[in-house]
Amino acid sequence: MTTPNVLRLLPWSGPGDKPCYLSTDDPDGYMSRLADNIEAIQLGTASQLLEEASVALGNRDASLYEMRCLVTELTGALRDVYRVARSRGHHRATSDPRGSAY
């Protein structure tokens, strides 16, 4: 018996900011590996921005413009991390025989 094909939420969006999904049973396929690599980059970027934010919060001389730019970047990174978490949580919930990812 084969495992049913489950849609994977990809770490990028399509036209109109609509979610993109991958339908495959092959975790080692090209698109699966591409998605894994992009997720790793997105998580690394979020980690770097978190460090920058910590430094910026301690800098009393940071301008309002600099802080707005940082918040804009952090918002994008948070959106990416949230998408990765949703994707991984869904994948884990559908593949976990206990039925719960948490």
Protein backbone atom coordinates (compact mmCIF):
# COMPACT_ATOMS: atom_id res chain seq x y z
CA MET A 1 0.00 0.00 0.00
CA THR A 2 1.42 3.41 -0.91
CA THR A 3 1.13 6.57 1.13
CA PRO A 4 -1.35 9.04 -0.35
CA ASN A 5 0.14 12.08 -1.98
CA VAL A 6 0.01 15.10 0.35
CA LEU A 7 0.29 18.68 -0.85
CA ARG A 8 3.27 20.60 0.49
CA LEU A 9 2.98 24.32 1.03
CA LEU A 10 5.96 25.84 -0.76
CA PRO A 11 8.06 28.66 0.73
CA TRP A 12 7.07 31.11 -1.99
CA SER A 13 3.78 32.48 -3.23
CA GLY A 14 2.28 32.73 -6.67
CA PRO A 15 0.52 35.54 -8.52
CA GLY A 16 -1.61 37.66 -6.25
CA ASP A 17 0.34 36.35 -3.23
CA LYS A 18 -1.60 33.09 -3.42
CA PRO A 19 -0.03 30.00 -1.81
CA CYS A 20 1.80 27.49 -4.00
CA TYR A 21 1.67 23.76 -3.32
CA LEU A 22 3.73 20.80 -4.47
CA SER A 23 2.16 17.43 -5.10
CA THR A 24 4.75 14.67 -4.90
CA ASP A 25 5.65 11.55 -2.96
CA ASP A 26 9.36 12.11 -3.63
CA PRO A 27 11.07 14.12 -0.87
CA ASP A 28 14.31 13.94 -2.88
CA GLY A 29 12.83 15.35 -6.09
CA TYR A 30 14.11 18.58 -7.59
CA MET A 31 11.23 20.77 -6.40
CA SER A 32 11.28 19.27 -2.89
CA ARG A 33 15.02 19.93 -2.59
CA LEU A 34 14.59 23.45 -4.00
CA ALA A 35 11.88 24.17 -1.43
CA ASP A 36 14.07 22.76 1.36
CA ASN A 37 16.98 24.97 0.28
CA ILE A 38 14.83 28.10 0.07
CA GLU A 39 13.35 27.37 3.51
CA ALA A 40 16.88 27.07 4.92
CA ILE A 41 17.82 30.43 3.39
CA GLN A 42 14.66 32.05 4.74
CA LEU A 43 15.28 30.72 8.25
CA GLY A 44 18.92 31.87 8.11
CA THR A 45 17.85 35.34 7.00
CA ALA A 46 15.35 35.53 9.86
CA SER A 47 18.07 34.55 12.33
CA GLN A 48 20.39 37.28 11.03
CA LEU A 49 17.61 39.88 11.17
CA LEU A 50 16.83 38.89 14.74
CA GLU A 51 20.44 39.59 15.68
CA GLU A 52 20.32 42.95 13.85
CA ALA A 53 17.10 43.85 15.66
CA SER A 54 18.67 43.07 19.03
CA VAL A 55 21.58 45.38 18.23
CA ALA A 56 19.29 48.10 16.85
CA LEU A 57 17.12 48.06 19.97
CA GLY A 58 20.20 48.84 22.03
CA ASN A 59 21.25 51.68 19.73
CA ARG A 60 19.68 54.89 21.00
CA ASP A 61 21.06 56.73 17.95
CA ALA A 62 19.17 54.60 15.43
CA SER A 63 16.98 56.80 13.25
CA LEU A 64 13.28 56.31 12.72
CA TYR A 65 14.02 55.54 9.07
CA GLU A 66 16.52 52.80 10.02
CA MET A 67 14.03 51.27 12.44
CA ARG A 68 11.25 51.34 9.83
CA CYS A 69 13.52 49.58 7.33
CA LEU A 70 14.37 46.95 9.92
CA VAL A 71 10.70 46.43 10.80
CA THR A 72 9.88 46.04 7.11
CA GLU A 73 12.59 43.38 6.72
CA LEU A 74 11.51 41.65 9.93
CA THR A 75 7.90 41.57 8.72
CA GLY A 76 8.94 39.82 5.52
CA ALA A 77 11.12 37.37 7.42
CA LEU A 78 8.34 36.62 9.90
CA ARG A 79 5.96 35.97 6.99
CA ASP A 80 8.48 33.50 5.52
CA VAL A 81 9.11 31.75 8.84
CA TYR A 82 5.37 31.48 9.48
CA ARG A 83 4.89 29.85 6.06
CA VAL A 84 7.73 27.39 6.76
CA ALA A 85 6.23 26.55 10.16
CA ARG A 86 2.77 25.98 8.66
CA SER A 87 4.24 23.81 5.92
CA ARG A 88 6.35 21.72 8.27
CA GLY A 89 3.58 21.46 10.85
CA HIS A 90 1.12 20.26 8.24
CA HIS A 91 3.61 17.76 6.83
CA ARG A 92 4.42 16.46 10.29
CA ALA A 93 0.75 16.17 11.27
CA THR A 94 -0.08 14.18 8.15
CA SER A 95 2.93 11.88 8.47
CA ASP A 96 2.85 11.37 12.27
CA PRO A 97 1.01 8.14 13.09
CA ARG A 98 0.06 9.59 16.48
CA GLY A 99 -2.00 12.20 14.62
CA SER A 100 -0.60 15.31 16.28
CA ALA A 101 2.46 17.37 15.51
CA TYR A 102 2.44 19.08 18.91
